[in-house]
């Protein structure tokens, strides 16, 4: 399963980030979401999600075994208890889909809400997100 973003329709409204942060951390914060909207001075960029690589370079780069498979086939999550915040996974990600939690410094990546439900999909006002 992967998240797909129709970048032609995405307005970078950040609704996906707000839904994610509430689902994960119980607060509305674009800095605590498992997806990322790149900021630009002139033109808004589209949302970026982990593409759930078949051979994840982030997992291979982690020396501490912090990446774990969820109940959904091929989807990885980050175990914060094992993570040392070394950020090697950020450098290894080929699509820059891993970023740092603005509150506690841990890396964040989309894990499709760990059960494949991807709650942001239903809340996107422009229907640009799809899990397939």
N, C-alpha and C. Protein backbone atom coordinates (compact mmCIF):
# COMPACT_ATOMS: atom_id res chain seq x y z
N UNK A 1 0.84 -1.19 0.00
CA UNK A 1 0.00 0.00 0.00
C UNK A 1 0.88 1.24 0.00
N UNK A 2 0.42 2.23 -0.76
CA UNK A 2 1.14 3.49 -0.83
C UNK A 2 0.17 4.65 -0.87
N UNK A 3 0.65 5.79 -0.41
CA UNK A 3 -0.11 7.03 -0.52
C UNK A 3 0.26 7.66 -1.86
N UNK A 4 -0.75 8.09 -2.58
CA UNK A 4 -0.53 8.79 -3.85
C UNK A 4 -1.10 10.20 -3.72
N UNK A 5 -0.33 11.18 -4.21
CA UNK A 5 -0.73 12.58 -4.15
C UNK A 5 -0.85 13.11 -5.56
N UNK A 6 -2.00 13.67 -5.89
CA UNK A 6 -2.17 14.31 -7.19
C UNK A 6 -1.61 15.73 -7.05
N UNK A 7 -0.34 15.90 -7.37
CA UNK A 7 0.33 17.17 -7.14
C UNK A 7 -0.24 18.31 -7.99
N UNK A 8 -0.95 17.97 -9.05
CA UNK A 8 -1.56 19.02 -9.88
C UNK A 8 -2.77 19.64 -9.18
N UNK A 9 -3.43 18.88 -8.32
CA UNK A 9 -4.61 19.37 -7.61
C UNK A 9 -4.31 19.85 -6.19
N UNK A 10 -3.17 19.45 -5.64
CA UNK A 10 -2.84 19.80 -4.26
C UNK A 10 -2.55 21.30 -4.14
N UNK A 11 -3.20 21.93 -3.17
CA UNK A 11 -3.01 23.37 -2.93
C UNK A 11 -2.08 23.65 -1.75
N UNK A 12 -1.56 22.60 -1.14
CA UNK A 12 -0.70 22.74 0.04
C UNK A 12 -1.45 23.40 1.19
N UNK A 13 -2.73 23.05 1.34
CA UNK A 13 -3.58 23.65 2.39
C UNK A 13 -3.19 23.17 3.80
N UNK A 14 -2.46 22.07 3.88
CA UNK A 14 -1.97 21.50 5.14
C UNK A 14 -3.03 20.74 5.95
N UNK A 15 -4.19 20.51 5.39
CA UNK A 15 -5.21 19.75 6.10
C UNK A 15 -4.69 18.36 6.45
N UNK A 16 -3.94 17.74 5.55
CA UNK A 16 -3.38 16.41 5.82
C UNK A 16 -2.48 16.45 7.05
N UNK A 17 -1.70 17.51 7.18
CA UNK A 17 -0.82 17.64 8.34
C UNK A 17 -1.62 17.82 9.63
N UNK A 18 -2.67 18.60 9.59
CA UNK A 18 -3.48 18.82 10.79
C UNK A 18 -4.19 17.54 11.22
N UNK A 19 -4.76 16.82 10.26
CA UNK A 19 -5.44 15.56 10.57
C UNK A 19 -4.43 14.57 11.15
N UNK A 20 -3.26 14.50 10.55
CA UNK A 20 -2.23 13.58 11.02
C UNK A 20 -1.78 13.92 12.45
N UNK A 21 -1.53 15.18 12.71
CA UNK A 21 -1.04 15.56 14.04
C UNK A 21 -2.08 15.30 15.13
N UNK A 22 -3.36 15.50 14.81
CA UNK A 22 -4.41 15.20 15.78
C UNK A 22 -4.50 13.69 16.00
N UNK A 23 -4.43 12.93 14.92
CA UNK A 23 -4.50 11.47 15.02
C UNK A 23 -3.34 10.92 15.82
N UNK A 24 -2.16 11.41 15.57
CA UNK A 24 -0.94 10.89 16.20
C UNK A 24 -0.66 11.45 17.59
N UNK A 25 -0.81 12.77 17.73
CA UNK A 25 -0.34 13.42 18.95
C UNK A 25 -1.42 14.18 19.72
N UNK A 26 -2.66 14.19 19.20
CA UNK A 26 -3.75 14.86 19.90
C UNK A 26 -3.65 16.37 19.88
N UNK A 27 -2.96 16.93 18.91
CA UNK A 27 -2.84 18.38 18.81
C UNK A 27 -2.80 18.81 17.35
N UNK A 28 -3.28 20.01 17.08
CA UNK A 28 -3.21 20.56 15.73
C UNK A 28 -1.87 21.25 15.56
N UNK A 29 -0.98 20.64 14.80
CA UNK A 29 0.34 21.22 14.58
C UNK A 29 0.93 20.68 13.29
N UNK A 30 1.21 21.58 12.35
CA UNK A 30 1.84 21.14 11.10
C UNK A 30 3.27 20.67 11.33
N UNK A 31 3.82 20.96 12.49
CA UNK A 31 5.19 20.55 12.82
C UNK A 31 5.26 19.18 13.47
N UNK A 32 4.09 18.55 13.70
CA UNK A 32 4.05 17.23 14.31
C UNK A 32 3.22 16.28 13.47
N UNK A 33 3.43 16.28 12.18
CA UNK A 33 2.67 15.42 11.28
C UNK A 33 3.62 14.46 10.57
N UNK A 34 3.09 13.30 10.20
CA UNK A 34 3.90 12.30 9.51
C UNK A 34 3.96 12.54 8.01
N UNK A 35 3.36 13.62 7.54
CA UNK A 35 3.51 14.05 6.15
C UNK A 35 4.12 15.45 6.18
N UNK A 36 4.53 15.92 5.02
CA UNK A 36 5.27 17.17 4.96
C UNK A 36 4.80 18.01 3.79
N UNK A 37 4.63 19.30 4.00
CA UNK A 37 4.34 20.23 2.92
C UNK A 37 5.51 21.20 2.87
N UNK A 38 6.24 21.13 1.77
CA UNK A 38 7.41 21.99 1.61
C UNK A 38 6.97 23.44 1.51
N UNK A 39 7.64 24.29 2.24
CA UNK A 39 7.31 25.70 2.22
C UNK A 39 8.10 26.39 1.12
N UNK A 40 7.45 27.31 0.44
CA UNK A 40 8.08 28.06 -0.63
C UNK A 40 7.64 29.50 -0.52
N UNK A 41 8.51 30.39 -0.89
CA UNK A 41 8.21 31.81 -0.75
C UNK A 41 7.12 32.27 -1.72
N UNK A 42 7.12 31.72 -2.94
CA UNK A 42 6.21 32.23 -3.95
C UNK A 42 5.11 31.25 -4.37
N UNK A 43 5.45 29.99 -4.53
CA UNK A 43 4.50 29.01 -5.03
C UNK A 43 4.38 27.88 -4.00
N UNK A 44 3.14 27.60 -3.55
CA UNK A 44 3.01 26.48 -2.60
C UNK A 44 3.37 25.16 -3.25
N UNK A 45 4.02 24.32 -2.50
CA UNK A 45 4.39 23.00 -2.99
C UNK A 45 3.31 22.02 -2.58
N UNK A 46 3.39 20.81 -3.06
CA UNK A 46 2.41 19.80 -2.69
C UNK A 46 2.89 18.99 -1.48
N UNK A 47 1.96 18.26 -0.90
CA UNK A 47 2.26 17.42 0.26
C UNK A 47 3.17 16.27 -0.15
N UNK A 48 4.04 15.85 0.76
CA UNK A 48 4.95 14.74 0.52
C UNK A 48 4.71 13.67 1.57
N UNK A 49 4.56 12.44 1.11
CA UNK A 49 4.33 11.30 1.98
C UNK A 49 5.38 10.23 1.69
N UNK A 50 5.65 9.39 2.66
CA UNK A 50 6.49 8.22 2.45
C UNK A 50 5.85 7.36 1.36
N UNK A 51 6.64 6.91 0.40
CA UNK A 51 6.10 6.09 -0.69
C UNK A 51 6.22 4.60 -0.40
N UNK A 52 6.63 4.24 0.80
CA UNK A 52 6.71 2.84 1.23
C UNK A 52 7.54 2.02 0.24
N UNK A 53 8.79 2.38 0.08
CA UNK A 53 9.71 1.71 -0.86
C UNK A 53 9.73 0.21 -0.62
N UNK A 54 9.93 -0.55 -1.69
CA UNK A 54 10.03 -2.01 -1.57
C UNK A 54 11.28 -2.41 -0.81
N UNK A 55 12.37 -1.69 -1.02
CA UNK A 55 13.63 -1.91 -0.31
C UNK A 55 13.99 -0.59 0.38
N UNK A 56 13.38 -0.31 1.53
CA UNK A 56 13.54 1.00 2.18
C UNK A 56 14.97 1.32 2.61
N UNK A 57 15.50 2.38 2.04
CA UNK A 57 16.85 2.82 2.39
C UNK A 57 16.89 3.40 3.80
N UNK A 58 15.77 3.95 4.26
CA UNK A 58 15.72 4.49 5.62
C UNK A 58 15.92 3.37 6.64
N UNK A 59 15.26 2.24 6.40
CA UNK A 59 15.38 1.10 7.31
C UNK A 59 16.80 0.55 7.30
N UNK A 60 17.40 0.47 6.11
CA UNK A 60 18.78 -0.03 5.99
C UNK A 60 19.77 0.91 6.68
N UNK A 61 19.49 2.21 6.66
CA UNK A 61 20.41 3.18 7.26
C UNK A 61 20.34 3.20 8.78
N UNK A 62 19.25 2.69 9.33
CA UNK A 62 19.07 2.72 10.79
C UNK A 62 19.87 1.60 11.44
N UNK A 63 20.82 1.97 12.24
CA UNK A 63 21.69 1.01 12.93
C UNK A 63 21.07 0.47 14.21
N UNK A 64 19.90 0.98 14.58
CA UNK A 64 19.32 0.62 15.87
C UNK A 64 18.02 -0.16 15.75
N UNK A 65 17.64 -0.53 14.54
CA UNK A 65 16.44 -1.33 14.33
C UNK A 65 15.16 -0.62 14.71
N UNK A 66 15.13 0.71 14.53
CA UNK A 66 13.96 1.48 14.93
C UNK A 66 12.80 1.39 13.93
N UNK A 67 13.07 0.89 12.74
CA UNK A 67 11.99 0.75 11.75
C UNK A 67 11.36 -0.62 11.89
N UNK A 68 10.03 -0.62 11.99
CA UNK A 68 9.30 -1.86 12.19
C UNK A 68 8.12 -1.93 11.23
N UNK A 69 7.79 -3.12 10.80
CA UNK A 69 6.64 -3.33 9.91
C UNK A 69 5.35 -3.21 10.71
N UNK A 70 4.35 -2.59 10.08
CA UNK A 70 3.03 -2.50 10.71
C UNK A 70 2.20 -3.71 10.27
N UNK A 71 0.95 -3.71 10.64
CA UNK A 71 0.06 -4.81 10.24
C UNK A 71 -0.30 -4.73 8.76
N UNK A 72 -0.01 -3.60 8.13
CA UNK A 72 -0.29 -3.40 6.71
C UNK A 72 0.96 -3.78 5.92
N UNK A 73 0.80 -4.60 4.91
CA UNK A 73 1.93 -5.11 4.14
C UNK A 73 2.82 -4.00 3.58
N UNK A 74 4.11 -4.09 3.89
CA UNK A 74 5.11 -3.18 3.34
C UNK A 74 5.22 -1.83 4.01
N UNK A 75 4.42 -1.55 5.01
CA UNK A 75 4.42 -0.24 5.64
C UNK A 75 5.29 -0.26 6.90
N UNK A 76 6.17 0.72 6.97
CA UNK A 76 7.08 0.84 8.12
C UNK A 76 6.65 1.97 9.04
N UNK A 77 6.93 1.78 10.31
CA UNK A 77 6.75 2.83 11.30
C UNK A 77 8.08 2.98 12.05
N UNK A 78 8.22 4.06 12.76
CA UNK A 78 9.44 4.30 13.54
C UNK A 78 9.14 4.09 15.01
N UNK A 79 9.86 3.18 15.64
CA UNK A 79 9.72 2.91 17.07
C UNK A 79 10.57 3.94 17.81
N UNK A 80 9.92 4.87 18.49
CA UNK A 80 10.64 5.95 19.18
C UNK A 80 11.49 5.44 20.35
N UNK A 81 11.14 4.30 20.88
CA UNK A 81 11.94 3.76 21.99
C UNK A 81 13.30 3.26 21.51
N UNK A 82 13.37 2.85 20.24
CA UNK A 82 14.64 2.38 19.68
C UNK A 82 15.40 3.48 18.95
N UNK A 83 14.71 4.53 18.55
CA UNK A 83 15.32 5.62 17.77
C UNK A 83 16.24 6.47 18.64
N UNK A 84 17.41 6.79 18.10
CA UNK A 84 18.37 7.62 18.83
C UNK A 84 18.45 9.04 18.29
N UNK A 85 17.59 9.35 17.31
CA UNK A 85 17.58 10.67 16.66
C UNK A 85 18.88 10.96 15.92
N UNK A 86 19.50 9.93 15.37
CA UNK A 86 20.75 10.14 14.64
C UNK A 86 20.51 10.78 13.26
N UNK A 87 19.30 10.68 12.76
CA UNK A 87 18.87 11.28 11.50
C UNK A 87 19.48 10.65 10.25
N UNK A 88 20.06 9.48 10.35
CA UNK A 88 20.59 8.81 9.16
C UNK A 88 19.47 8.43 8.21
N UNK A 89 18.28 8.17 8.74
CA UNK A 89 17.14 7.83 7.89
C UNK A 89 16.73 9.01 7.01
N UNK A 90 16.86 10.22 7.51
CA UNK A 90 16.54 11.41 6.72
C UNK A 90 17.43 11.50 5.49
N UNK A 91 18.71 11.30 5.72
CA UNK A 91 19.67 11.37 4.62
C UNK A 91 19.46 10.24 3.62
N UNK A 92 18.98 9.10 4.07
CA UNK A 92 18.82 7.92 3.21
C UNK A 92 17.55 7.97 2.37
N UNK A 93 16.55 8.71 2.79
CA UNK A 93 15.26 8.72 2.09
C UNK A 93 15.40 9.36 0.70
N UNK A 94 15.06 8.60 -0.35
CA UNK A 94 15.23 9.11 -1.71
C UNK A 94 14.20 10.17 -2.11
N UNK A 95 13.11 10.31 -1.36
CA UNK A 95 12.07 11.28 -1.73
C UNK A 95 11.89 12.37 -0.66
N UNK A 96 12.81 12.46 0.28
CA UNK A 96 12.74 13.46 1.36
C UNK A 96 11.41 13.45 2.09
N UNK A 97 10.92 12.24 2.39
CA UNK A 97 9.62 12.10 3.06
C UNK A 97 9.75 11.97 4.56
N UNK A 98 10.95 11.93 5.08
CA UNK A 98 11.16 11.86 6.52
C UNK A 98 11.63 13.23 6.98
N UNK A 99 11.02 13.73 8.02
CA UNK A 99 11.40 15.02 8.57
C UNK A 99 11.36 14.95 10.10
N UNK A 100 11.76 16.01 10.74
CA UNK A 100 11.91 16.03 12.20
C UNK A 100 10.67 16.61 12.88
N UNK A 101 10.23 15.94 13.93
CA UNK A 101 9.14 16.42 14.78
C UNK A 101 9.58 17.75 15.39
N UNK A 102 8.79 18.79 15.17
CA UNK A 102 9.14 20.12 15.64
C UNK A 102 9.10 20.28 17.15
N UNK A 103 8.58 19.28 17.86
CA UNK A 103 8.48 19.37 19.31
C UNK A 103 9.57 18.58 20.02
N UNK A 104 9.78 17.32 19.62
CA UNK A 104 10.73 16.50 20.37
C UNK A 104 11.92 15.99 19.56
N UNK A 105 12.01 16.34 18.29
CA UNK A 105 13.20 16.02 17.51
C UNK A 105 13.27 14.62 16.92
N UNK A 106 12.23 13.81 17.08
CA UNK A 106 12.24 12.48 16.49
C UNK A 106 11.88 12.55 15.01
N UNK A 107 12.38 11.63 14.22
CA UNK A 107 12.00 11.61 12.80
C UNK A 107 10.55 11.15 12.65
N UNK A 108 9.89 11.69 11.63
CA UNK A 108 8.50 11.36 11.33
C UNK A 108 8.39 10.92 9.88
N UNK A 109 7.55 9.92 9.62
CA UNK A 109 7.24 9.49 8.26
C UNK A 109 5.84 8.90 8.25
N UNK A 110 5.18 8.98 7.12
CA UNK A 110 3.83 8.44 7.01
C UNK A 110 3.87 6.92 7.14
N UNK A 111 2.97 6.40 7.97
CA UNK A 111 2.84 4.95 8.12
C UNK A 111 1.39 4.53 7.88
N UNK A 112 0.66 5.37 7.12
CA UNK A 112 -0.75 5.12 6.78
C UNK A 112 -1.60 4.84 8.02
N UNK A 113 -1.31 5.56 9.08
CA UNK A 113 -2.01 5.43 10.37
C UNK A 113 -1.88 4.02 10.95
N UNK A 114 -0.83 3.33 10.58
CA UNK A 114 -0.45 2.00 11.06
C UNK A 114 -1.43 0.89 10.69
N UNK A 115 -2.64 1.26 10.28
CA UNK A 115 -3.61 0.21 9.93
C UNK A 115 -4.11 0.35 8.49
N UNK A 116 -3.50 1.27 7.74
CA UNK A 116 -3.87 1.47 6.36
C UNK A 116 -5.04 2.41 6.14
N UNK A 117 -5.61 2.94 7.23
CA UNK A 117 -6.80 3.79 7.10
C UNK A 117 -6.49 5.19 6.57
N UNK A 118 -5.29 5.67 6.77
CA UNK A 118 -4.86 7.00 6.29
C UNK A 118 -5.98 8.03 6.42
N UNK A 119 -6.23 8.45 7.63
CA UNK A 119 -7.35 9.33 7.93
C UNK A 119 -7.32 10.65 7.17
N UNK A 120 -6.15 11.08 6.74
CA UNK A 120 -6.04 12.33 5.99
C UNK A 120 -6.74 12.25 4.63
N UNK A 121 -6.83 11.06 4.06
CA UNK A 121 -7.46 10.89 2.75
C UNK A 121 -8.91 11.37 2.78
N UNK A 122 -9.64 10.96 3.79
CA UNK A 122 -11.06 11.33 3.91
C UNK A 122 -11.24 12.82 4.19
N UNK A 123 -10.25 13.45 4.79
CA UNK A 123 -10.39 14.86 5.18
C UNK A 123 -9.83 15.84 4.15
N UNK A 124 -9.17 15.37 3.13
CA UNK A 124 -8.59 16.26 2.13
C UNK A 124 -9.71 16.97 1.36
N UNK A 125 -9.77 18.31 1.44
CA UNK A 125 -10.88 19.02 0.80
C UNK A 125 -10.84 18.99 -0.73
N UNK A 126 -9.71 18.62 -1.31
CA UNK A 126 -9.58 18.62 -2.77
C UNK A 126 -9.42 17.22 -3.35
N UNK A 127 -9.59 16.20 -2.52
CA UNK A 127 -9.50 14.79 -2.94
C UNK A 127 -8.23 14.49 -3.74
N UNK A 128 -7.09 14.94 -3.21
CA UNK A 128 -5.82 14.71 -3.90
C UNK A 128 -5.08 13.49 -3.38
N UNK A 129 -5.54 12.92 -2.27
CA UNK A 129 -4.85 11.79 -1.65
C UNK A 129 -5.60 10.49 -1.92
N UNK A 130 -4.82 9.43 -2.13
CA UNK A 130 -5.40 8.11 -2.36
C UNK A 130 -4.41 7.05 -1.93
N UNK A 131 -4.90 6.04 -1.25
CA UNK A 131 -4.07 4.89 -0.85
C UNK A 131 -4.37 3.76 -1.79
N UNK A 132 -3.34 3.21 -2.44
CA UNK A 132 -3.52 2.04 -3.30
C UNK A 132 -2.37 1.08 -3.13
